[in-house]
N, C-alpha and C. Protein backbone atom coordinates (compact mmCIF):
# COMPACT_ATOMS: atom_id res chain seq x y z
N MET A 1 58.64 -45.64 15.81
CA MET A 1 58.12 -44.58 15.31
C MET A 1 58.99 -43.57 15.84
N LYS A 2 58.96 -42.24 14.96
CA LYS A 2 60.09 -41.45 15.29
C LYS A 2 59.60 -40.30 16.34
N PRO A 3 60.51 -39.78 16.97
CA PRO A 3 59.91 -38.95 18.10
C PRO A 3 59.18 -37.71 17.99
N ALA A 4 59.36 -37.14 16.71
CA ALA A 4 58.68 -35.88 16.43
C ALA A 4 56.99 -36.50 16.01
N VAL A 5 56.96 -37.57 15.59
CA VAL A 5 55.68 -38.05 15.21
C VAL A 5 54.77 -38.63 16.55
N LEU A 6 55.53 -38.90 17.30
CA LEU A 6 55.26 -39.27 18.50
C LEU A 6 54.69 -38.40 19.62
N SER A 7 55.48 -37.47 19.70
CA SER A 7 55.27 -36.00 20.33
C SER A 7 53.72 -35.64 19.74
N ALA A 8 53.77 -35.59 18.38
CA ALA A 8 52.67 -34.73 17.79
C ALA A 8 51.34 -35.61 18.25
N LEU A 9 51.43 -36.93 18.21
CA LEU A 9 50.37 -37.84 18.50
C LEU A 9 49.78 -37.58 20.05
N LEU A 10 50.92 -37.81 21.02
CA LEU A 10 50.80 -37.41 22.25
C LEU A 10 49.62 -36.14 22.37
N LEU A 11 50.44 -35.06 21.89
CA LEU A 11 49.74 -33.72 21.85
C LEU A 11 48.30 -33.83 21.58
N LEU A 12 48.24 -34.35 20.78
CA LEU A 12 46.72 -34.55 20.15
C LEU A 12 45.86 -35.14 20.88
N SER A 13 46.09 -36.25 21.25
CA SER A 13 45.43 -37.00 22.29
C SER A 13 45.50 -36.64 23.63
N CYS A 14 46.57 -35.87 24.09
CA CYS A 14 46.26 -35.16 25.39
C CYS A 14 45.55 -33.99 25.66
N GLY A 15 44.64 -33.41 24.14
CA GLY A 15 43.94 -32.24 24.62
C GLY A 15 44.79 -30.98 23.98
N GLY A 16 45.74 -31.12 23.30
CA GLY A 16 46.50 -30.04 22.66
C GLY A 16 45.66 -28.81 22.62
N PRO A 17 45.99 -27.66 21.94
CA PRO A 17 45.21 -26.28 21.83
C PRO A 17 44.10 -26.92 20.88
N VAL A 18 42.96 -25.83 21.54
CA VAL A 18 41.88 -26.06 21.19
C VAL A 18 41.47 -24.72 19.95
N GLU A 19 41.02 -25.01 18.91
CA GLU A 19 40.67 -23.78 17.93
C GLU A 19 39.20 -23.34 18.19
N TRP A 20 39.09 -22.20 18.61
CA TRP A 20 37.89 -21.46 18.63
C TRP A 20 37.36 -20.82 17.53
N ARG A 21 36.09 -20.70 16.99
CA ARG A 21 36.06 -19.86 15.79
C ARG A 21 34.69 -19.00 15.96
N GLU A 22 34.43 -17.85 15.92
CA GLU A 22 33.24 -16.92 16.31
C GLU A 22 32.04 -17.49 15.50
N LEU A 23 30.96 -17.50 15.92
CA LEU A 23 29.80 -17.76 15.23
C LEU A 23 28.69 -16.67 14.86
N PRO A 24 28.84 -16.00 14.11
CA PRO A 24 28.02 -14.82 13.57
C PRO A 24 26.67 -14.92 14.44
N ALA A 25 25.96 -13.92 14.91
CA ALA A 25 24.29 -14.10 15.12
C ALA A 25 23.60 -14.34 14.35
N ALA A 26 23.72 -14.00 13.27
CA ALA A 26 22.90 -14.22 11.94
C ALA A 26 22.87 -15.63 11.61
N ARG A 27 23.95 -16.34 11.97
CA ARG A 27 24.41 -18.00 11.69
C ARG A 27 24.20 -18.91 12.91
N LEU A 28 23.27 -18.21 14.00
CA LEU A 28 23.20 -19.29 14.90
C LEU A 28 21.80 -20.17 14.50
N GLY A 29 22.06 -21.30 14.73
CA GLY A 29 21.11 -22.24 14.42
C GLY A 29 20.00 -22.41 15.93
N PRO A 30 19.20 -23.28 15.80
CA PRO A 30 18.42 -23.53 17.14
C PRO A 30 19.14 -23.77 18.04
N SER A 31 19.77 -24.89 18.05
CA SER A 31 20.69 -25.20 18.96
C SER A 31 21.60 -24.19 19.65
N GLU A 32 22.37 -23.52 19.11
CA GLU A 32 23.39 -22.74 19.35
C GLU A 32 22.67 -21.36 20.01
N ALA A 33 21.35 -21.17 19.49
CA ALA A 33 20.38 -19.90 20.13
C ALA A 33 20.19 -20.34 21.37
N ARG A 34 19.58 -21.70 21.43
CA ARG A 34 19.25 -22.28 22.91
C ARG A 34 20.32 -22.19 23.62
N ARG A 35 21.50 -22.51 23.29
CA ARG A 35 22.63 -22.74 24.23
C ARG A 35 23.19 -21.18 24.48
N SER A 36 23.04 -20.37 23.59
CA SER A 36 23.47 -18.87 23.91
C SER A 36 22.48 -18.21 24.93
N GLY A 37 21.41 -18.85 24.97
CA GLY A 37 20.40 -18.19 26.12
C GLY A 37 20.63 -18.92 27.16
N GLU A 38 21.32 -19.90 27.11
CA GLU A 38 21.61 -20.78 28.46
C GLU A 38 22.83 -19.87 29.20
N ALA A 39 23.51 -19.31 28.39
CA ALA A 39 24.69 -18.63 28.80
C ALA A 39 24.40 -17.34 29.17
N ARG A 40 23.47 -16.62 28.52
CA ARG A 40 22.72 -15.28 28.95
C ARG A 40 22.21 -15.49 30.49
N ARG A 41 21.27 -16.44 30.52
CA ARG A 41 20.69 -16.93 32.07
C ARG A 41 21.73 -16.89 32.86
N ALA A 42 22.82 -17.81 32.80
CA ALA A 42 23.93 -18.32 33.80
C ALA A 42 24.60 -16.49 33.86
N ALA A 43 24.72 -15.65 33.22
CA ALA A 43 25.37 -14.37 33.45
C ALA A 43 24.48 -13.76 34.42
N VAL A 44 23.21 -13.75 33.88
CA VAL A 44 22.22 -12.67 34.80
C VAL A 44 22.23 -13.41 36.15
N LEU A 45 22.34 -14.75 36.42
CA LEU A 45 22.31 -15.04 37.78
C LEU A 45 23.57 -14.86 38.66
N LEU A 46 24.76 -14.95 37.85
CA LEU A 46 25.71 -14.46 38.46
C LEU A 46 25.92 -12.91 38.83
N GLY A 47 25.44 -12.02 38.00
CA GLY A 47 25.24 -10.84 38.30
C GLY A 47 24.28 -10.36 39.31
N GLU A 48 23.14 -10.92 39.06
CA GLU A 48 22.29 -10.75 40.58
C GLU A 48 22.77 -11.17 41.74
N ARG A 49 23.21 -12.21 41.77
CA ARG A 49 23.54 -12.73 43.03
C ARG A 49 24.89 -11.76 43.49
N LEU A 50 25.68 -11.56 42.61
CA LEU A 50 27.01 -10.71 43.27
C LEU A 50 26.42 -9.40 43.61
N LEU A 51 25.49 -8.85 42.88
CA LEU A 51 25.20 -7.42 43.52
C LEU A 51 24.30 -7.59 44.79
N GLU A 52 23.54 -8.83 44.85
CA GLU A 52 22.87 -9.06 46.32
C GLU A 52 23.80 -9.16 47.04
N ARG A 53 24.97 -9.65 46.90
CA ARG A 53 26.07 -9.80 48.11
C ARG A 53 26.88 -8.69 48.25
N LEU A 54 26.87 -8.04 47.23
CA LEU A 54 27.60 -6.50 47.43
C LEU A 54 26.84 -5.49 48.30
N SER A 55 25.31 -5.65 47.72
CA SER A 55 24.50 -4.83 48.59
C SER A 55 24.50 -5.10 50.19
N GLU A 56 24.59 -6.57 50.52
CA GLU A 56 24.51 -6.72 51.90
C GLU A 56 25.86 -6.32 52.45
N GLU A 57 26.91 -6.85 51.91
CA GLU A 57 28.27 -6.14 52.79
C GLU A 57 28.39 -4.70 52.87
N ILE A 58 27.97 -3.95 51.80
CA ILE A 58 27.96 -2.31 52.12
C ILE A 58 27.24 -1.98 53.07
N ALA A 59 25.84 -2.70 53.20
CA ALA A 59 24.98 -2.34 54.18
C ALA A 59 25.53 -2.62 55.65
N ALA A 60 26.15 -3.73 55.65
CA ALA A 60 26.97 -4.31 56.90
C ALA A 60 28.09 -3.61 57.51
N ARG A 61 28.93 -3.82 56.21
CA ARG A 61 30.51 -2.96 56.57
C ARG A 61 31.11 -2.18 55.90
N GLY A 62 30.05 -1.31 55.14
CA GLY A 62 30.59 -0.18 54.04
C GLY A 62 31.42 -0.72 52.96
N LEU A 63 31.69 0.29 52.18
CA LEU A 63 32.28 0.50 50.89
C LEU A 63 33.30 -0.35 50.55
N ALA A 64 34.45 -0.06 51.69
CA ALA A 64 35.69 -0.64 51.71
C ALA A 64 35.77 -2.06 51.70
N ALA A 65 34.41 -2.95 52.36
CA ALA A 65 34.39 -4.14 52.38
C ALA A 65 33.71 -4.74 51.07
N ALA A 66 33.45 -4.22 50.40
CA ALA A 66 33.08 -4.53 49.01
C ALA A 66 33.87 -5.11 48.16
N VAL A 67 34.96 -4.32 48.16
CA VAL A 67 36.20 -4.75 47.07
C VAL A 67 36.36 -6.32 47.51
N ASP A 68 36.45 -6.72 48.86
CA ASP A 68 36.89 -8.01 49.35
C ASP A 68 35.60 -9.28 48.76
N VAL A 69 34.29 -8.40 48.42
CA VAL A 69 33.24 -9.26 47.86
C VAL A 69 33.78 -9.77 46.54
N CYS A 70 34.13 -8.69 45.67
CA CYS A 70 34.68 -8.84 44.08
C CYS A 70 35.94 -9.68 44.03
N ARG A 71 36.59 -9.58 44.97
CA ARG A 71 37.78 -10.26 44.94
C ARG A 71 37.75 -11.82 45.35
N THR A 72 36.95 -11.83 46.51
CA THR A 72 36.94 -13.53 46.68
C THR A 72 35.49 -13.83 46.70
N ALA A 73 34.28 -13.33 46.78
CA ALA A 73 33.12 -14.13 46.66
C ALA A 73 32.54 -14.24 45.22
N ALA A 74 32.89 -12.98 44.61
CA ALA A 74 32.42 -13.32 43.13
C ALA A 74 32.94 -14.63 42.38
N PRO A 75 34.06 -14.76 42.53
CA PRO A 75 34.68 -16.27 42.15
C PRO A 75 33.94 -17.13 42.52
N ALA A 76 33.79 -17.21 44.00
CA ALA A 76 33.01 -18.44 44.41
C ALA A 76 31.42 -18.33 44.07
N ILE A 77 31.05 -17.45 43.69
CA ILE A 77 29.49 -17.31 43.21
C ILE A 77 29.60 -17.84 41.91
N ALA A 78 30.51 -17.47 41.28
CA ALA A 78 30.56 -18.13 39.63
C ALA A 78 30.76 -19.56 39.79
N ALA A 79 31.49 -20.16 40.54
CA ALA A 79 31.91 -21.39 40.75
C ALA A 79 30.44 -22.13 41.29
N GLU A 80 29.66 -21.61 42.14
CA GLU A 80 28.57 -22.00 42.63
C GLU A 80 27.75 -22.04 41.30
N VAL A 81 27.26 -21.03 40.56
CA VAL A 81 26.36 -20.88 39.39
C VAL A 81 26.78 -22.12 38.48
N GLY A 82 27.94 -22.01 38.18
CA GLY A 82 28.59 -22.87 37.00
C GLY A 82 28.26 -24.42 37.41
N ALA A 83 28.38 -24.73 38.53
CA ALA A 83 28.11 -26.19 39.07
C ALA A 83 26.53 -26.51 39.26
N GLU A 84 25.86 -25.34 39.53
CA GLU A 84 24.26 -25.60 39.41
C GLU A 84 23.70 -25.79 38.02
N LEU A 85 24.51 -25.28 36.84
CA LEU A 85 24.06 -25.21 35.50
C LEU A 85 24.92 -25.93 34.75
N GLY A 86 26.10 -26.77 35.21
CA GLY A 86 26.98 -27.34 34.20
C GLY A 86 27.75 -26.75 33.34
N LEU A 87 28.46 -25.64 33.98
CA LEU A 87 29.12 -24.95 32.94
C LEU A 87 30.20 -24.11 33.64
N LYS A 88 31.06 -23.20 32.76
CA LYS A 88 32.04 -22.45 33.51
C LYS A 88 31.76 -21.17 33.32
N LEU A 89 31.80 -20.09 34.25
CA LEU A 89 31.64 -18.52 34.03
C LEU A 89 32.28 -17.90 34.80
N GLY A 90 32.62 -16.19 34.37
CA GLY A 90 33.18 -15.54 35.26
C GLY A 90 33.16 -14.20 34.59
N ARG A 91 34.10 -13.16 35.27
CA ARG A 91 34.08 -11.68 34.72
C ARG A 91 35.27 -11.42 34.23
N THR A 92 35.73 -10.64 32.99
CA THR A 92 37.01 -10.22 32.67
C THR A 92 36.76 -8.74 32.00
N SER A 93 37.93 -8.22 31.73
CA SER A 93 37.70 -7.07 30.93
C SER A 93 39.13 -6.71 30.46
N GLU A 94 39.22 -5.87 29.53
CA GLU A 94 40.33 -5.21 28.89
C GLU A 94 41.19 -4.33 30.07
N ARG A 95 40.37 -3.92 30.94
CA ARG A 95 41.17 -3.01 31.95
C ARG A 95 41.04 -3.59 33.21
N LEU A 96 41.89 -4.61 33.40
CA LEU A 96 41.94 -5.76 34.76
C LEU A 96 42.06 -4.66 35.86
N ARG A 97 41.39 -5.19 37.26
CA ARG A 97 41.85 -5.05 38.30
C ARG A 97 42.68 -6.04 39.24
N ASN A 98 42.02 -7.38 38.80
CA ASN A 98 42.33 -8.54 39.55
C ASN A 98 43.04 -9.42 38.30
N PRO A 99 44.30 -9.50 38.30
CA PRO A 99 45.07 -10.33 37.18
C PRO A 99 44.41 -12.01 37.27
N ALA A 100 43.63 -12.18 38.15
CA ALA A 100 43.13 -13.75 38.16
C ALA A 100 41.89 -13.57 37.17
N ASN A 101 41.44 -12.39 36.79
CA ASN A 101 40.16 -12.59 35.96
C ASN A 101 40.52 -12.17 34.53
N ARG A 102 41.69 -12.82 34.08
CA ARG A 102 42.02 -12.67 32.47
C ARG A 102 41.08 -13.55 31.79
N PRO A 103 40.83 -13.31 30.57
CA PRO A 103 39.80 -13.97 30.02
C PRO A 103 40.17 -15.00 29.45
N PRO A 104 39.31 -16.15 29.07
CA PRO A 104 39.60 -17.57 28.85
C PRO A 104 40.11 -17.29 27.30
N ASP A 105 41.00 -18.56 26.63
CA ASP A 105 41.37 -18.24 25.39
C ASP A 105 40.20 -17.87 24.25
N PHE A 106 38.88 -18.56 24.26
CA PHE A 106 38.14 -18.39 23.51
C PHE A 106 37.70 -16.89 23.18
N ALA A 107 37.89 -15.96 24.37
CA ALA A 107 37.33 -14.48 24.55
C ALA A 107 38.42 -13.90 24.53
N ALA A 108 39.82 -13.86 24.48
CA ALA A 108 40.62 -12.94 24.57
C ALA A 108 40.73 -11.52 23.73
N LYS A 109 40.88 -12.19 22.49
CA LYS A 109 40.57 -11.38 21.46
C LYS A 109 39.56 -10.60 21.21
N ALA A 110 38.35 -11.26 21.42
CA ALA A 110 37.12 -10.40 21.29
C ALA A 110 36.54 -9.33 22.35
N ILE A 111 37.22 -9.78 23.28
CA ILE A 111 37.27 -8.71 24.77
C ILE A 111 38.12 -7.47 24.21
N ALA A 112 39.23 -7.42 23.61
CA ALA A 112 40.18 -6.58 23.33
C ALA A 112 39.15 -5.67 22.22
N GLU A 113 38.92 -6.65 21.20
CA GLU A 113 38.21 -5.64 20.34
C GLU A 113 36.86 -5.12 20.85
N ALA A 114 36.11 -5.70 21.48
CA ALA A 114 34.90 -5.10 21.96
C ALA A 114 34.89 -3.90 22.83
N ALA A 115 35.94 -4.12 23.58
CA ALA A 115 36.23 -3.04 24.34
C ALA A 115 36.44 -1.60 23.65
N ARG A 116 36.76 -1.62 22.45
CA ARG A 116 36.99 -0.63 21.56
C ARG A 116 35.99 0.03 20.85
N VAL A 117 35.03 -0.87 20.64
CA VAL A 117 33.94 -0.48 19.84
C VAL A 117 32.51 -0.65 20.57
N GLY A 118 32.54 -1.09 21.72
CA GLY A 118 31.02 -1.23 22.52
C GLY A 118 30.75 -2.64 22.88
N GLY A 119 30.87 -3.77 22.43
CA GLY A 119 30.92 -4.79 22.71
C GLY A 119 29.81 -5.64 22.76
N PRO A 120 28.84 -5.95 21.79
CA PRO A 120 27.62 -6.89 21.55
C PRO A 120 28.29 -8.23 22.22
N PRO A 121 26.88 -8.82 22.47
CA PRO A 121 27.09 -10.23 22.93
C PRO A 121 28.11 -10.84 21.76
N ARG A 122 28.75 -12.16 21.96
CA ARG A 122 29.75 -12.93 20.84
C ARG A 122 29.55 -14.29 21.27
N VAL A 123 29.39 -15.05 20.14
CA VAL A 123 29.29 -16.46 20.30
C VAL A 123 30.53 -17.39 19.52
N PHE A 124 31.05 -17.89 20.27
CA PHE A 124 32.30 -18.92 19.80
C PHE A 124 32.25 -20.45 19.83
N VAL A 125 32.52 -21.34 19.03
CA VAL A 125 32.23 -22.52 18.98
C VAL A 125 33.68 -23.26 18.75
N ALA A 126 34.11 -24.56 19.45
CA ALA A 126 35.11 -25.37 19.40
C ALA A 126 34.79 -26.42 18.66
N GLY A 127 35.91 -27.19 17.97
CA GLY A 127 35.77 -28.15 17.30
C GLY A 127 35.19 -29.38 18.23
N ASP A 128 35.28 -29.43 19.52
CA ASP A 128 35.17 -30.28 20.18
C ASP A 128 33.65 -30.36 21.09
N GLY A 129 32.93 -29.06 20.47
CA GLY A 129 31.60 -29.01 20.64
C GLY A 129 31.31 -28.26 21.56
N ARG A 130 32.30 -27.60 22.48
CA ARG A 130 31.92 -26.37 23.57
C ARG A 130 31.70 -25.29 22.62
N MET A 131 31.16 -24.49 23.43
CA MET A 131 30.53 -22.96 23.31
C MET A 131 30.90 -22.12 24.28
N GLY A 132 31.62 -20.97 23.79
CA GLY A 132 31.53 -19.81 24.51
C GLY A 132 30.98 -18.44 24.30
N VAL A 133 30.49 -17.56 25.05
CA VAL A 133 29.79 -16.56 24.85
C VAL A 133 30.41 -15.50 25.69
N THR A 134 30.34 -14.42 25.13
CA THR A 134 30.70 -13.28 26.01
C THR A 134 29.85 -12.12 25.79
N LEU A 135 29.65 -11.69 27.00
CA LEU A 135 28.31 -11.00 27.54
C LEU A 135 28.91 -9.44 28.09
N PRO A 136 28.42 -8.35 27.68
CA PRO A 136 28.89 -6.83 28.11
C PRO A 136 28.24 -6.76 29.54
N ILE A 137 29.02 -5.92 30.40
CA ILE A 137 28.64 -5.82 31.69
C ILE A 137 28.79 -4.20 31.54
N ARG A 138 27.52 -3.36 31.63
CA ARG A 138 27.49 -1.93 32.00
C ARG A 138 27.65 -1.80 33.41
N LEU A 139 28.13 -0.77 33.71
CA LEU A 139 28.39 -0.13 34.87
C LEU A 139 27.33 0.40 35.58
N LYS A 140 26.84 -0.10 36.82
CA LYS A 140 25.82 0.10 37.41
C LYS A 140 26.12 1.34 38.45
N ALA A 141 25.07 2.13 38.88
CA ALA A 141 25.49 3.29 39.71
C ALA A 141 26.47 3.08 40.96
N MET A 142 25.97 1.80 41.60
CA MET A 142 26.52 1.36 42.94
C MET A 142 28.08 1.18 42.54
N CYS A 143 28.32 0.79 41.51
CA CYS A 143 29.77 0.06 41.00
C CYS A 143 30.54 1.40 41.02
N THR A 144 30.29 2.39 40.70
CA THR A 144 31.09 3.79 40.40
C THR A 144 31.87 3.87 41.73
N ALA A 145 31.38 3.58 43.18
CA ALA A 145 32.22 3.56 44.38
C ALA A 145 33.59 3.33 44.42
N CYS A 146 33.64 2.07 43.51
CA CYS A 146 34.83 1.25 43.27
C CYS A 146 35.63 1.60 41.96
N HIS A 147 34.77 1.87 40.91
CA HIS A 147 35.32 1.89 39.53
C HIS A 147 34.98 3.48 38.93
N GLY A 148 34.65 4.19 39.58
CA GLY A 148 34.45 5.72 39.18
C GLY A 148 35.74 6.32 39.07
N ALA A 149 35.50 7.69 38.58
CA ALA A 149 36.64 8.51 38.49
C ALA A 149 37.38 8.33 39.95
N ALA A 150 38.59 8.20 39.88
CA ALA A 150 39.72 8.03 41.00
C ALA A 150 39.52 9.13 42.08
N GLU A 151 39.24 10.49 41.92
CA GLU A 151 39.15 11.41 42.76
C GLU A 151 37.82 11.53 43.72
N ALA A 152 36.99 10.40 42.96
CA ALA A 152 35.82 10.56 43.52
C ALA A 152 35.54 9.34 44.61
N ILE A 153 36.41 8.41 44.54
CA ILE A 153 36.39 6.86 45.25
C ILE A 153 36.56 7.24 46.94
N ASP A 154 36.07 6.89 47.27
CA ASP A 154 36.34 7.02 48.89
C ASP A 154 37.55 6.90 49.26
N PRO A 155 38.37 7.95 49.97
CA PRO A 155 39.78 7.38 50.52
C PRO A 155 40.11 6.15 51.14
N ALA A 156 38.98 5.44 51.94
CA ALA A 156 39.15 4.19 52.36
C ALA A 156 39.19 3.00 51.67
N VAL A 157 38.12 3.12 50.27
CA VAL A 157 38.13 2.41 49.25
C VAL A 157 39.53 2.48 48.61
N ARG A 158 40.07 3.74 48.25
CA ARG A 158 41.23 3.96 47.30
C ARG A 158 42.23 3.00 48.13
N GLU A 159 42.33 3.25 49.37
CA GLU A 159 43.47 2.65 50.06
C GLU A 159 43.31 1.06 50.11
N ARG A 160 41.97 0.52 50.39
CA ARG A 160 42.08 -0.83 49.97
C ARG A 160 42.14 -1.26 48.49
N LEU A 161 42.04 -0.72 47.71
CA LEU A 161 42.25 -1.35 46.59
C LEU A 161 43.76 -1.40 46.09
N ALA A 162 44.43 -0.05 46.55
CA ALA A 162 45.97 0.22 46.42
C ALA A 162 46.62 -1.06 47.06
N ALA A 163 46.28 -1.45 48.33
CA ALA A 163 46.72 -2.60 48.95
C ALA A 163 46.37 -3.96 48.20
N LEU A 164 45.63 -4.27 47.65
CA LEU A 164 45.32 -5.30 47.11
C LEU A 164 45.57 -5.64 45.64
N TYR A 165 45.40 -4.11 44.99
CA TYR A 165 45.68 -4.01 43.25
C TYR A 165 46.43 -3.29 42.96
N PRO A 166 47.84 -3.22 43.39
CA PRO A 166 49.05 -2.10 42.85
C PRO A 166 48.93 -1.67 41.47
N ASP A 167 48.47 -2.57 40.62
CA ASP A 167 48.54 -2.48 39.24
C ASP A 167 46.95 -2.10 38.70
N ASP A 168 46.11 -2.00 39.64
CA ASP A 168 44.68 -1.56 39.36
C ASP A 168 44.12 -0.75 38.04
N ARG A 169 43.73 -1.14 36.97
CA ARG A 169 43.37 -0.42 35.76
C ARG A 169 42.02 -0.14 35.50
N ALA A 170 40.84 -0.39 36.62
CA ALA A 170 39.67 -0.57 36.56
C ALA A 170 38.93 1.12 37.28
N THR A 171 39.47 1.72 36.96
CA THR A 171 38.79 3.09 37.49
C THR A 171 38.24 4.01 36.39
N GLY A 172 37.73 5.10 36.56
CA GLY A 172 37.64 5.89 35.65
C GLY A 172 36.26 5.85 34.43
N TYR A 173 35.39 4.90 35.06
CA TYR A 173 34.28 4.39 34.37
C TYR A 173 33.31 5.45 35.02
N ALA A 174 32.04 5.66 34.13
CA ALA A 174 31.01 6.05 34.61
C ALA A 174 29.59 5.15 34.41
N GLU A 175 28.62 5.73 35.33
CA GLU A 175 27.43 4.63 35.28
C GLU A 175 27.03 4.41 33.55
N GLY A 176 26.85 3.15 33.36
CA GLY A 176 26.59 2.88 31.88
C GLY A 176 27.43 2.40 30.89
N ASP A 177 28.86 2.81 31.57
CA ASP A 177 30.13 2.71 30.69
C ASP A 177 30.31 0.84 30.45
N LEU A 178 30.47 0.73 29.43
CA LEU A 178 31.09 -0.75 29.26
C LEU A 178 32.30 -1.10 30.41
N ARG A 179 32.05 -1.69 31.25
CA ARG A 179 33.16 -1.95 32.26
C ARG A 179 33.98 -3.37 31.93
N GLY A 180 33.14 -4.28 31.57
CA GLY A 180 33.75 -5.49 31.23
C GLY A 180 32.82 -6.34 30.37
N PHE A 181 33.20 -7.96 30.74
CA PHE A 181 32.25 -9.07 30.19
C PHE A 181 31.99 -10.34 31.08
N PHE A 182 30.79 -10.66 31.09
CA PHE A 182 30.52 -12.01 31.40
C PHE A 182 31.24 -13.11 30.15
N TRP A 183 31.80 -13.99 30.79
CA TRP A 183 32.20 -15.07 29.69
C TRP A 183 31.72 -16.30 30.37
N VAL A 184 30.95 -16.91 29.31
CA VAL A 184 30.39 -18.30 29.70
C VAL A 184 31.15 -19.44 28.77
N GLU A 185 31.51 -20.49 29.27
CA GLU A 185 31.64 -21.68 28.35
C GLU A 185 30.85 -22.95 28.62
N LEU A 186 30.09 -23.21 27.48
CA LEU A 186 29.15 -24.53 27.93
C LEU A 186 29.73 -25.54 27.43
N PRO A 187 29.61 -26.52 27.87
CA PRO A 187 30.44 -28.00 27.54
C PRO A 187 29.47 -28.54 25.96
N PRO A 188 30.27 -29.62 25.49
CA PRO A 188 29.59 -29.90 24.73
C PRO A 188 28.18 -30.46 24.84
N GLU A 189 27.12 -30.76 23.81
CA GLU A 189 25.79 -31.29 24.12
C GLU A 189 26.14 -32.90 24.29
N ASP A 190 25.21 -33.43 24.85
CA ASP A 190 25.22 -34.96 24.94
C ASP A 190 24.59 -35.47 23.79
């Protein structure tokens, strides 16, 4: 067998690049609608647990400590929710604070587009049966303490953000603004 053919076969058999395509909301069948609902429930659960943890940390240790919750506890909470529900999920934005929160492949283009036009939920499917969903995150009032206008952020919080995220792009938001997105990836159905 020729080396080029062998390389192509190995790439395909080893899980080469996956093509994702968007599935318009009007074309969701019953199965896709149900799975999209599962994704929404997962994102809501992640959001609720994260806000609860942030509230506890702010009450116990102050606003600057909330930065560490979003940096370390949020990914752990996402992993916990994902393990409970059998899926993957996280948070992302076009204006990242934490470079580790880059969007997954299925969502990157959609996030860039949605950030400019307002971002309704979007559904994507892969040829291998996986489904990806992006869901907008609107900034809550409490989140302006770290994501609001730079001059309005408490100096201790600004200092903590600068130390952890020298390339921070996640300030300048107001309550209700589109801050970013939850992304959810569901495995193929059995």
